[in-house]
Amino acid sequence: MKKLVFATHNPNKLIEVKHILANKYEILDLNDIGFNEEIIEDKKTIIENSIEKVKCVKGKTGFDCFADDTGLEVKALNSMPGVFSKRFAGINASSEDNIDKLLNLLENQTDRSAQFKTVISLHLNGKIKTFEGICKGNIAYEKMGEFGFGYDPIFIPENKELSFGQMSMQDKNKIAHRGKAIKKLIDYLTNLY
């Protein structure tokens, strides 16, 4: 089985990606390759952050790798929090803090349309390729469910009644942004080899 390094320290993302790629690749994370540095995510867009992560890891370790950056874009907030999704309520904010801030800002909004966007960058054979996945939906009025992570308990995908926080990982991965981007990554790798 081929090995691929997923440039992340996020255990939730790692579990999700391993679940999606289980039969195709052995996925190593940054801890597995002894990379303990924090990768600075200071770019202005999701795609730039994603590319920066793979450049950093490839440059410092020599490993071919892929990385993702994901943001929640809310229409009524001019696509915010977007690239700042992880630190929306502050640099050390928890998911709860971020959710609370978002719900407060949307308190009087009737348009609650939003989308999750994931960009995966692959650094392979000296080249960088990117893959985008989008999942459209709406922001709930309150948290629903205990599954997932980040904004999952308040995001209801289009044509669904459950939030990501109420779905099993398997059900979420069938329709979610990261799953869509990873499918494009897999298709690319499959056609490559």
N, C-alpha and C. Protein backbone atom coordinates (compact mmCIF):
# COMPACT_ATOMS: atom_id res chain seq x y z
N MET A 1 0.85 -1.19 0.00
CA MET A 1 0.00 0.00 0.00
C MET A 1 0.88 1.25 0.00
N LYS A 2 0.58 2.18 -0.88
CA LYS A 2 1.36 3.42 -0.97
C LYS A 2 1.16 4.27 0.28
N LYS A 3 2.23 4.98 0.66
CA LYS A 3 2.16 5.88 1.81
C LYS A 3 2.06 7.32 1.32
N LEU A 4 1.24 8.09 2.02
CA LEU A 4 1.12 9.52 1.74
C LEU A 4 1.14 10.26 3.06
N VAL A 5 1.83 11.37 3.10
CA VAL A 5 1.85 12.19 4.31
C VAL A 5 0.76 13.25 4.21
N PHE A 6 -0.10 13.28 5.21
CA PHE A 6 -1.13 14.32 5.34
C PHE A 6 -0.55 15.37 6.27
N ALA A 7 -0.30 16.56 5.75
CA ALA A 7 0.36 17.62 6.51
C ALA A 7 -0.61 18.27 7.50
N THR A 8 -0.86 17.54 8.59
CA THR A 8 -1.76 18.07 9.62
C THR A 8 -1.34 17.57 11.00
N HIS A 9 -1.70 18.37 12.01
CA HIS A 9 -1.60 17.95 13.41
C HIS A 9 -3.00 17.79 13.98
N ASN A 10 -4.02 18.00 13.14
CA ASN A 10 -5.41 17.97 13.61
C ASN A 10 -5.92 16.52 13.64
N PRO A 11 -6.12 15.96 14.84
CA PRO A 11 -6.54 14.55 14.92
C PRO A 11 -7.91 14.29 14.30
N ASN A 12 -8.81 15.27 14.35
CA ASN A 12 -10.14 15.10 13.75
C ASN A 12 -10.05 14.98 12.23
N LYS A 13 -9.25 15.86 11.62
CA LYS A 13 -9.07 15.78 10.16
C LYS A 13 -8.41 14.46 9.77
N LEU A 14 -7.42 14.04 10.57
CA LEU A 14 -6.71 12.80 10.27
C LEU A 14 -7.66 11.60 10.28
N ILE A 15 -8.51 11.52 11.30
CA ILE A 15 -9.48 10.42 11.39
C ILE A 15 -10.40 10.42 10.16
N GLU A 16 -10.88 11.62 9.80
CA GLU A 16 -11.79 11.73 8.66
C GLU A 16 -11.12 11.27 7.36
N VAL A 17 -9.89 11.73 7.14
CA VAL A 17 -9.19 11.41 5.90
C VAL A 17 -8.80 9.93 5.85
N LYS A 18 -8.35 9.39 6.98
CA LYS A 18 -8.02 7.96 7.02
C LYS A 18 -9.25 7.13 6.70
N HIS A 19 -10.40 7.57 7.19
CA HIS A 19 -11.66 6.86 6.94
C HIS A 19 -11.97 6.85 5.43
N ILE A 20 -11.73 7.97 4.77
CA ILE A 20 -12.03 8.08 3.33
C ILE A 20 -11.02 7.29 2.49
N LEU A 21 -9.76 7.31 2.88
CA LEU A 21 -8.71 6.71 2.05
C LEU A 21 -8.26 5.33 2.52
N ALA A 22 -8.99 4.75 3.47
CA ALA A 22 -8.56 3.52 4.15
C ALA A 22 -8.10 2.40 3.21
N ASN A 23 -8.79 2.18 2.11
CA ASN A 23 -8.45 1.04 1.24
C ASN A 23 -7.40 1.36 0.19
N LYS A 24 -7.03 2.62 0.07
CA LYS A 24 -6.16 3.01 -1.03
C LYS A 24 -4.75 3.40 -0.60
N TYR A 25 -4.63 4.06 0.56
CA TYR A 25 -3.33 4.57 0.99
C TYR A 25 -3.15 4.40 2.49
N GLU A 26 -1.89 4.24 2.86
CA GLU A 26 -1.55 4.35 4.29
C GLU A 26 -1.24 5.82 4.53
N ILE A 27 -2.03 6.43 5.39
CA ILE A 27 -1.87 7.87 5.63
C ILE A 27 -1.04 8.10 6.90
N LEU A 28 0.04 8.84 6.73
CA LEU A 28 0.86 9.26 7.86
C LEU A 28 0.57 10.73 8.13
N ASP A 29 0.62 11.12 9.39
CA ASP A 29 0.46 12.55 9.67
C ASP A 29 1.82 13.13 10.05
N LEU A 30 1.85 14.39 10.41
CA LEU A 30 3.11 15.06 10.72
C LEU A 30 3.80 14.45 11.93
N ASN A 31 3.01 13.98 12.91
CA ASN A 31 3.61 13.33 14.09
C ASN A 31 4.34 12.05 13.68
N ASP A 32 3.78 11.31 12.73
CA ASP A 32 4.39 10.05 12.27
C ASP A 32 5.75 10.27 11.64
N ILE A 33 5.97 11.44 11.04
CA ILE A 33 7.26 11.70 10.39
C ILE A 33 8.16 12.61 11.24
N GLY A 34 7.72 12.86 12.49
CA GLY A 34 8.54 13.64 13.42
C GLY A 34 8.56 15.13 13.14
N PHE A 35 7.53 15.64 12.46
CA PHE A 35 7.45 17.08 12.17
C PHE A 35 6.56 17.71 13.23
N ASN A 36 7.19 18.40 14.17
CA ASN A 36 6.43 18.95 15.31
C ASN A 36 6.26 20.46 15.26
N GLU A 37 6.76 21.08 14.21
CA GLU A 37 6.62 22.53 14.10
C GLU A 37 5.18 22.92 13.77
N GLU A 38 4.81 24.11 14.18
CA GLU A 38 3.51 24.63 13.78
C GLU A 38 3.69 25.33 12.43
N ILE A 39 2.80 25.05 11.50
CA ILE A 39 2.85 25.70 10.20
C ILE A 39 2.02 26.98 10.29
N ILE A 40 2.65 28.09 10.00
CA ILE A 40 1.97 29.39 10.10
C ILE A 40 0.95 29.53 8.96
N GLU A 41 -0.29 29.77 9.34
CA GLU A 41 -1.36 29.96 8.36
C GLU A 41 -1.74 31.44 8.33
N ASP A 42 -0.94 32.22 7.59
CA ASP A 42 -1.15 33.66 7.61
C ASP A 42 -1.51 34.23 6.23
N LYS A 43 -1.90 33.36 5.33
CA LYS A 43 -2.25 33.81 3.99
C LYS A 43 -3.67 34.38 3.96
N LYS A 44 -4.01 35.04 2.86
CA LYS A 44 -5.31 35.71 2.76
C LYS A 44 -6.42 34.83 2.19
N THR A 45 -6.04 33.67 1.62
CA THR A 45 -7.06 32.79 1.04
C THR A 45 -6.83 31.35 1.49
N ILE A 46 -7.88 30.56 1.36
CA ILE A 46 -7.82 29.15 1.72
C ILE A 46 -6.82 28.42 0.83
N ILE A 47 -6.83 28.71 -0.46
CA ILE A 47 -5.91 28.02 -1.38
C ILE A 47 -4.45 28.36 -1.06
N GLU A 48 -4.18 29.60 -0.72
CA GLU A 48 -2.80 30.00 -0.39
C GLU A 48 -2.31 29.29 0.88
N ASN A 49 -3.18 29.17 1.89
CA ASN A 49 -2.81 28.46 3.11
C ASN A 49 -2.51 27.00 2.82
N SER A 50 -3.35 26.39 2.01
CA SER A 50 -3.18 24.98 1.66
C SER A 50 -1.84 24.74 0.96
N ILE A 51 -1.53 25.60 0.01
CA ILE A 51 -0.26 25.49 -0.73
C ILE A 51 0.92 25.72 0.20
N GLU A 52 0.81 26.71 1.08
CA GLU A 52 1.90 27.02 2.01
C GLU A 52 2.24 25.82 2.89
N LYS A 53 1.22 25.09 3.32
CA LYS A 53 1.45 23.92 4.19
C LYS A 53 2.29 22.86 3.49
N VAL A 54 1.95 22.53 2.23
CA VAL A 54 2.72 21.48 1.55
C VAL A 54 4.13 21.95 1.19
N LYS A 55 4.26 23.22 0.85
CA LYS A 55 5.60 23.75 0.56
C LYS A 55 6.49 23.65 1.79
N CYS A 56 5.93 24.01 2.93
CA CYS A 56 6.67 23.99 4.19
C CYS A 56 7.11 22.56 4.54
N VAL A 57 6.17 21.63 4.51
CA VAL A 57 6.48 20.24 4.90
C VAL A 57 7.44 19.60 3.91
N LYS A 58 7.20 19.77 2.62
CA LYS A 58 8.10 19.21 1.60
C LYS A 58 9.49 19.80 1.74
N GLY A 59 9.55 21.12 1.95
CA GLY A 59 10.84 21.80 2.06
C GLY A 59 11.64 21.35 3.27
N LYS A 60 10.96 21.08 4.38
CA LYS A 60 11.68 20.73 5.62
C LYS A 60 11.88 19.24 5.81
N THR A 61 11.09 18.40 5.13
CA THR A 61 11.22 16.95 5.36
C THR A 61 11.58 16.16 4.11
N GLY A 62 11.28 16.73 2.94
CA GLY A 62 11.51 16.01 1.70
C GLY A 62 10.39 15.05 1.32
N PHE A 63 9.40 14.89 2.20
CA PHE A 63 8.29 13.97 1.92
C PHE A 63 7.29 14.58 0.94
N ASP A 64 6.86 13.78 -0.04
CA ASP A 64 5.69 14.16 -0.82
C ASP A 64 4.51 14.16 0.14
N CYS A 65 3.60 15.10 -0.02
CA CYS A 65 2.53 15.23 0.97
C CYS A 65 1.33 15.96 0.38
N PHE A 66 0.24 15.92 1.14
CA PHE A 66 -0.91 16.75 0.80
C PHE A 66 -1.40 17.43 2.07
N ALA A 67 -2.08 18.55 1.88
CA ALA A 67 -2.59 19.32 3.02
C ALA A 67 -3.93 19.92 2.61
N ASP A 68 -4.72 20.21 3.60
CA ASP A 68 -5.98 20.89 3.29
C ASP A 68 -6.08 22.17 4.10
N ASP A 69 -6.87 23.06 3.58
CA ASP A 69 -7.32 24.20 4.37
C ASP A 69 -8.81 24.31 4.08
N THR A 70 -9.56 24.57 5.12
CA THR A 70 -11.01 24.59 5.00
C THR A 70 -11.55 25.84 5.67
N GLY A 71 -12.59 26.41 5.08
CA GLY A 71 -13.24 27.56 5.69
C GLY A 71 -14.74 27.48 5.50
N LEU A 72 -15.44 28.09 6.43
CA LEU A 72 -16.89 28.22 6.34
C LEU A 72 -17.18 29.63 5.83
N GLU A 73 -17.90 29.73 4.72
CA GLU A 73 -18.21 31.03 4.12
C GLU A 73 -19.70 31.29 4.25
N VAL A 74 -20.04 32.35 4.99
CA VAL A 74 -21.44 32.67 5.27
C VAL A 74 -21.84 33.89 4.44
N LYS A 75 -22.86 33.74 3.63
CA LYS A 75 -23.26 34.79 2.68
C LYS A 75 -23.56 36.11 3.38
N ALA A 76 -24.35 36.08 4.45
CA ALA A 76 -24.75 37.31 5.15
C ALA A 76 -23.57 38.03 5.80
N LEU A 77 -22.44 37.33 5.95
CA LEU A 77 -21.24 37.93 6.55
C LEU A 77 -20.15 38.16 5.51
N ASN A 78 -20.58 38.36 4.25
CA ASN A 78 -19.61 38.60 3.16
C ASN A 78 -18.55 37.50 3.09
N SER A 79 -19.00 36.25 3.20
CA SER A 79 -18.14 35.06 3.11
C SER A 79 -17.21 34.86 4.30
N MET A 80 -17.43 35.60 5.37
CA MET A 80 -16.67 35.35 6.59
C MET A 80 -17.31 34.17 7.30
N PRO A 81 -16.62 33.44 8.16
CA PRO A 81 -15.23 33.65 8.58
C PRO A 81 -14.19 33.20 7.55
N GLY A 82 -14.56 32.36 6.58
CA GLY A 82 -13.64 32.01 5.51
C GLY A 82 -12.30 31.49 6.00
N VAL A 83 -11.24 32.14 5.52
CA VAL A 83 -9.88 31.71 5.86
C VAL A 83 -9.60 31.85 7.36
N PHE A 84 -10.42 32.64 8.06
CA PHE A 84 -10.23 32.83 9.51
C PHE A 84 -11.12 31.91 10.35
N SER A 85 -11.70 30.88 9.75
CA SER A 85 -12.67 30.03 10.44
C SER A 85 -12.14 29.46 11.75
N LYS A 86 -10.90 29.01 11.76
CA LYS A 86 -10.34 28.38 12.95
C LYS A 86 -10.13 29.38 14.09
N ARG A 87 -9.84 30.62 13.74
CA ARG A 87 -9.53 31.63 14.77
C ARG A 87 -10.52 32.80 14.72
N PHE A 88 -11.76 32.51 14.34
CA PHE A 88 -12.79 33.54 14.15
C PHE A 88 -13.02 34.34 15.43
N ALA A 89 -13.06 33.67 16.56
CA ALA A 89 -13.31 34.35 17.84
C ALA A 89 -12.01 34.68 18.58
N GLY A 90 -10.88 34.54 17.91
CA GLY A 90 -9.59 34.83 18.54
C GLY A 90 -8.60 33.72 18.25
N ILE A 91 -7.31 34.01 18.45
CA ILE A 91 -6.24 33.08 18.09
C ILE A 91 -6.38 31.74 18.81
N ASN A 92 -6.71 31.76 20.09
CA ASN A 92 -6.82 30.51 20.84
C ASN A 92 -8.28 30.10 21.07
N ALA A 93 -9.17 30.55 20.20
CA ALA A 93 -10.60 30.27 20.37
C ALA A 93 -10.89 28.78 20.19
N SER A 94 -11.86 28.30 20.97
CA SER A 94 -12.33 26.92 20.81
C SER A 94 -13.41 26.90 19.74
N SER A 95 -13.80 25.70 19.32
CA SER A 95 -14.90 25.57 18.36
C SER A 95 -16.17 26.18 18.93
N GLU A 96 -16.39 25.99 20.23
CA GLU A 96 -17.57 26.56 20.90
C GLU A 96 -17.56 28.08 20.80
N ASP A 97 -16.40 28.69 21.04
CA ASP A 97 -16.27 30.15 20.95
C ASP A 97 -16.61 30.63 19.54
N ASN A 98 -16.07 29.94 18.54
CA ASN A 98 -16.31 30.32 17.15
C ASN A 98 -17.78 30.19 16.78
N ILE A 99 -18.40 29.10 17.21
CA ILE A 99 -19.82 28.88 16.93
C ILE A 99 -20.66 29.96 17.59
N ASP A 100 -20.36 30.24 18.85
CA ASP A 100 -21.13 31.26 19.59
C ASP A 100 -21.04 32.63 18.91
N LYS A 101 -19.84 32.99 18.47
CA LYS A 101 -19.67 34.28 17.80
C LYS A 101 -20.48 34.31 16.50
N LEU A 102 -20.41 33.23 15.73
CA LEU A 102 -21.13 33.17 14.46
C LEU A 102 -22.64 33.26 14.67
N LEU A 103 -23.15 32.50 15.62
CA LEU A 103 -24.60 32.53 15.89
C LEU A 103 -25.05 33.90 16.37
N ASN A 104 -24.22 34.56 17.18
CA ASN A 104 -24.55 35.92 17.64
C ASN A 104 -24.61 36.90 16.47
N LEU A 105 -23.67 36.80 15.55
CA LEU A 105 -23.65 37.71 14.40
C LEU A 105 -24.85 37.47 13.47
N LEU A 106 -25.36 36.26 13.45
CA LEU A 106 -26.48 35.92 12.57
C LEU A 106 -27.84 36.00 13.27
N GLU A 107 -27.84 36.48 14.50
CA GLU A 107 -29.05 36.44 15.33
C GLU A 107 -30.28 36.99 14.63
N ASN A 108 -30.15 38.11 13.91
CA ASN A 108 -31.30 38.73 13.25
C ASN A 108 -31.33 38.51 11.74
N GLN A 109 -30.53 37.55 11.27
CA GLN A 109 -30.44 37.30 9.83
C GLN A 109 -31.40 36.19 9.40
N THR A 110 -32.14 36.44 8.33
CA THR A 110 -32.99 35.38 7.79
C THR A 110 -32.26 34.59 6.71
N ASP A 111 -31.33 35.26 5.98
CA ASP A 111 -30.52 34.54 5.00
C ASP A 111 -29.37 33.87 5.74
N ARG A 112 -29.45 32.57 5.89
CA ARG A 112 -28.44 31.83 6.65
C ARG A 112 -27.64 30.89 5.73
N SER A 113 -27.68 31.20 4.42
CA SER A 113 -26.97 30.35 3.47
C SER A 113 -25.45 30.45 3.68
N ALA A 114 -24.80 29.33 3.48
CA ALA A 114 -23.37 29.24 3.72
C ALA A 114 -22.80 28.08 2.91
N GLN A 115 -21.49 28.02 2.86
CA GLN A 115 -20.85 26.86 2.25
C GLN A 115 -19.53 26.59 2.94
N PHE A 116 -19.20 25.32 3.03
CA PHE A 116 -17.87 24.90 3.45
C PHE A 116 -17.04 24.74 2.19
N LYS A 117 -15.82 25.26 2.23
CA LYS A 117 -14.89 25.09 1.11
C LYS A 117 -13.60 24.47 1.62
N THR A 118 -13.19 23.39 0.97
CA THR A 118 -11.90 22.76 1.26
C THR A 118 -11.04 22.84 0.02
N VAL A 119 -9.79 23.21 0.20
CA VAL A 119 -8.80 23.11 -0.88
C VAL A 119 -7.70 22.18 -0.39
N ILE A 120 -7.47 21.11 -1.14
CA ILE A 120 -6.37 20.19 -0.86
C ILE A 120 -5.26 20.47 -1.86
N SER A 121 -4.05 20.63 -1.34
CA SER A 121 -2.88 20.78 -2.20
C SER A 121 -2.04 19.52 -2.09
N LEU A 122 -1.58 19.04 -3.21
CA LEU A 122 -0.73 17.86 -3.28
C LEU A 122 0.63 18.28 -3.80
N HIS A 123 1.69 17.98 -3.04
CA HIS A 123 3.06 18.23 -3.49
C HIS A 123 3.65 16.88 -3.84
N LEU A 124 3.78 16.61 -5.14
CA LEU A 124 4.20 15.29 -5.61
C LEU A 124 5.07 15.44 -6.84
N ASN A 125 6.19 14.74 -6.83
CA ASN A 125 7.12 14.76 -7.98
C ASN A 125 7.51 16.18 -8.39
N GLY A 126 7.69 17.02 -7.39
CA GLY A 126 8.16 18.39 -7.65
C GLY A 126 7.10 19.36 -8.12
N LYS A 127 5.85 18.92 -8.16
CA LYS A 127 4.76 19.80 -8.62
C LYS A 127 3.67 19.90 -7.55
N ILE A 128 2.95 21.03 -7.58
CA ILE A 128 1.83 21.23 -6.66
C ILE A 128 0.54 21.28 -7.47
N LYS A 129 -0.42 20.49 -7.06
CA LYS A 129 -1.73 20.45 -7.71
C LYS A 129 -2.78 20.68 -6.63
N THR A 130 -3.86 21.42 -6.96
CA THR A 130 -4.89 21.69 -5.97
C THR A 130 -6.24 21.11 -6.40
N PHE A 131 -7.05 20.78 -5.38
CA PHE A 131 -8.36 20.17 -5.60
C PHE A 131 -9.35 20.84 -4.64
N GLU A 132 -10.48 21.27 -5.17
CA GLU A 132 -11.45 22.01 -4.35
C GLU A 132 -12.73 21.20 -4.14
N GLY A 133 -13.25 21.26 -2.94
CA GLY A 133 -14.53 20.64 -2.63
C GLY A 133 -15.42 21.65 -1.92
N ILE A 134 -16.67 21.75 -2.35
CA ILE A 134 -17.62 22.70 -1.75
C ILE A 134 -18.89 21.96 -1.33
N CYS A 135 -19.38 22.31 -0.17
CA CYS A 135 -20.67 21.78 0.30
C CYS A 135 -21.52 22.98 0.71
N LYS A 136 -22.62 23.18 -0.02
CA LYS A 136 -23.53 24.29 0.26
C LYS A 136 -24.56 23.87 1.31
N GLY A 137 -25.04 24.86 2.05
CA GLY A 137 -26.04 24.57 3.08
C GLY A 137 -26.48 25.83 3.78
N ASN A 138 -26.91 25.67 5.01
CA ASN A 138 -27.40 26.79 5.83
C ASN A 138 -26.90 26.66 7.26
N ILE A 139 -26.85 27.80 7.93
CA ILE A 139 -26.46 27.82 9.34
C ILE A 139 -27.72 27.65 10.19
N ALA A 140 -27.68 26.69 11.10
CA ALA A 140 -28.81 26.43 12.01
C ALA A 140 -28.93 27.58 13.01
N TYR A 141 -30.05 27.63 13.70
CA TYR A 141 -30.27 28.65 14.72
C TYR A 141 -29.66 28.26 16.07
N GLU A 142 -29.34 26.98 16.20
CA GLU A 142 -28.70 26.50 17.44
C GLU A 142 -27.89 25.26 17.12
N LYS A 143 -27.03 24.87 18.04
CA LYS A 143 -26.21 23.69 17.85
C LYS A 143 -27.07 22.44 17.87
N MET A 144 -26.75 21.52 16.94
CA MET A 144 -27.50 20.27 16.85
C MET A 144 -26.53 19.12 16.64
N GLY A 145 -26.45 18.22 17.60
CA GLY A 145 -25.61 17.03 17.45
C GLY A 145 -24.26 17.16 18.13
N GLU A 146 -23.68 16.00 18.37
CA GLU A 146 -22.41 15.92 19.10
C GLU A 146 -21.27 15.38 18.24
N PHE A 147 -21.57 15.04 16.98
CA PHE A 147 -20.53 14.45 16.12
C PHE A 147 -19.75 15.53 15.39
N GLY A 148 -18.70 15.09 14.71
CA GLY A 148 -17.91 16.01 13.90
C GLY A 148 -17.06 16.93 14.74
N PHE A 149 -16.69 18.06 14.15
CA PHE A 149 -15.84 19.03 14.84
C PHE A 149 -16.02 20.39 14.20
N GLY A 150 -15.42 21.40 14.79
CA GLY A 150 -15.54 22.75 14.24
C GLY A 150 -16.97 23.22 14.22
N TYR A 151 -17.40 23.68 13.05
CA TYR A 151 -18.75 24.25 12.89
C TYR A 151 -19.81 23.19 12.56
N ASP A 152 -19.44 21.92 12.57
CA ASP A 152 -20.37 20.85 12.16
C ASP A 152 -21.74 20.90 12.84
N PRO A 153 -21.83 21.20 14.16
CA PRO A 153 -23.15 21.19 14.81
C PRO A 153 -24.11 22.28 14.34
N ILE A 154 -23.61 23.28 13.60
CA ILE A 154 -24.53 24.34 13.14
C ILE A 154 -24.65 24.41 11.62
N PHE A 155 -24.04 23.46 10.92
CA PHE A 155 -24.11 23.49 9.46
C PHE A 155 -25.04 22.39 8.97
N ILE A 156 -26.10 22.80 8.26
CA ILE A 156 -27.05 21.86 7.67
C ILE A 156 -26.85 21.85 6.16
N PRO A 157 -26.37 20.73 5.60
CA PRO A 157 -26.14 20.68 4.15
C PRO A 157 -27.45 20.82 3.38
N GLU A 158 -27.33 21.32 2.16
CA GLU A 158 -28.48 21.47 1.26
C GLU A 158 -29.26 20.16 1.15
N ASN A 159 -30.59 20.30 1.15
CA ASN A 159 -31.49 19.15 0.99
C ASN A 159 -31.41 18.13 2.12
N LYS A 160 -30.88 18.54 3.27
CA LYS A 160 -30.81 17.66 4.45
C LYS A 160 -31.51 18.35 5.62
N GLU A 161 -31.94 17.55 6.57
CA GLU A 161 -32.56 18.10 7.78
C GLU A 161 -31.63 18.00 8.97
N LEU A 162 -30.59 17.19 8.86
CA LEU A 162 -29.64 17.01 9.95
C LEU A 162 -28.42 17.90 9.74
N SER A 163 -27.84 18.34 10.84
CA SER A 163 -26.56 19.05 10.75
C SER A 163 -25.45 18.02 10.60
N PHE A 164 -24.26 18.47 10.20
CA PHE A 164 -23.11 17.57 10.16
C PHE A 164 -22.87 16.97 11.54
N GLY A 165 -23.19 17.73 12.58
CA GLY A 165 -23.00 17.26 13.94
C GLY A 165 -23.94 16.14 14.34
N GLN A 166 -24.96 15.90 13.53
CA GLN A 166 -25.91 14.81 13.80
C GLN A 166 -25.67 13.60 12.90
N MET A 167 -24.74 13.73 11.95
CA MET A 167 -24.50 12.65 10.98
C MET A 167 -23.32 11.78 11.41
N SER A 168 -23.38 10.51 11.00
CA SER A 168 -22.22 9.64 11.18
C SER A 168 -21.11 10.14 10.25
N MET A 169 -19.88 9.77 10.56
CA MET A 169 -18.77 10.18 9.71
C MET A 169 -18.97 9.67 8.28
N GLN A 170 -19.49 8.46 8.17
CA GLN A 170 -19.71 7.86 6.86
C GLN A 170 -20.71 8.67 6.03
N ASP A 171 -21.82 9.07 6.67
CA ASP A 171 -22.83 9.87 5.96
C ASP A 171 -22.30 11.25 5.61
N LYS A 172 -21.58 11.85 6.54
CA LYS A 172 -21.01 13.17 6.28
C LYS A 172 -20.03 13.13 5.11
N ASN A 173 -19.15 12.13 5.11
CA ASN A 173 -18.12 12.06 4.08
C ASN A 173 -18.67 11.86 2.67
N LYS A 174 -19.88 11.33 2.57
CA LYS A 174 -20.49 11.15 1.25
C LYS A 174 -20.83 12.47 0.58
N ILE A 175 -21.11 13.50 1.39
CA ILE A 175 -21.59 14.76 0.82
C ILE A 175 -20.72 15.97 1.16
N ALA A 176 -19.78 15.82 2.08
CA ALA A 176 -19.05 16.97 2.60
C ALA A 176 -17.92 17.45 1.69
N HIS A 177 -17.55 18.68 1.92
CA HIS A 177 -16.50 19.39 1.19
C HIS A 177 -15.17 18.64 1.16
N ARG A 178 -14.71 18.16 2.32
CA ARG A 178 -13.41 17.49 2.36
C ARG A 178 -13.47 16.18 1.56
N GLY A 179 -14.56 15.46 1.70
CA GLY A 179 -14.74 14.22 0.94
C GLY A 179 -14.71 14.46 -0.55
N LYS A 180 -15.35 15.55 -0.99
CA LYS A 180 -15.37 15.89 -2.42
C LYS A 180 -13.98 16.22 -2.93
N ALA A 181 -13.24 16.99 -2.14
CA ALA A 181 -11.88 17.36 -2.55
C ALA A 181 -10.98 16.13 -2.57
N ILE A 182 -11.14 15.25 -1.59
CA ILE A 182 -10.31 14.04 -1.53
C ILE A 182 -10.65 13.10 -2.69
N LYS A 183 -11.91 13.04 -3.08
CA LYS A 183 -12.28 12.22 -4.24
C LYS A 183 -11.53 12.71 -5.48
N LYS A 184 -11.44 14.01 -5.65
CA LYS A 184 -10.69 14.57 -6.79
C LYS A 184 -9.21 14.21 -6.68
N LEU A 185 -8.68 14.27 -5.46
CA LEU A 185 -7.29 13.89 -5.22
C LEU A 185 -7.07 12.42 -5.58
N ILE A 186 -7.98 11.54 -5.12
CA ILE A 186 -7.86 10.10 -5.41
C ILE A 186 -7.93 9.85 -6.91
N ASP A 187 -8.89 10.50 -7.58
CA ASP A 187 -9.02 10.33 -9.03
C ASP A 187 -7.72 10.71 -9.74
N TYR A 188 -7.13 11.80 -9.29
CA TYR A 188 -5.86 12.26 -9.88
C TYR A 188 -4.76 11.25 -9.65
N LEU A 189 -4.63 10.78 -8.42
CA LEU A 189 -3.56 9.81 -8.08
C LEU A 189 -3.79 8.48 -8.81
N THR A 190 -5.04 8.07 -8.93
CA THR A 190 -5.36 6.80 -9.60
C THR A 190 -4.97 6.88 -11.07
N ASN A 191 -5.24 8.01 -11.70
CA ASN A 191 -4.89 8.17 -13.11
C ASN A 191 -3.38 8.34 -13.32
N LEU A 192 -2.71 8.77 -12.25
CA LEU A 192 -1.27 9.00 -12.31
C LEU A 192 -0.50 7.70 -12.29
N TYR A 193 -0.97 6.74 -11.47
CA TYR A 193 -0.23 5.48 -11.28
C TYR A 193 -0.86 4.35 -12.07
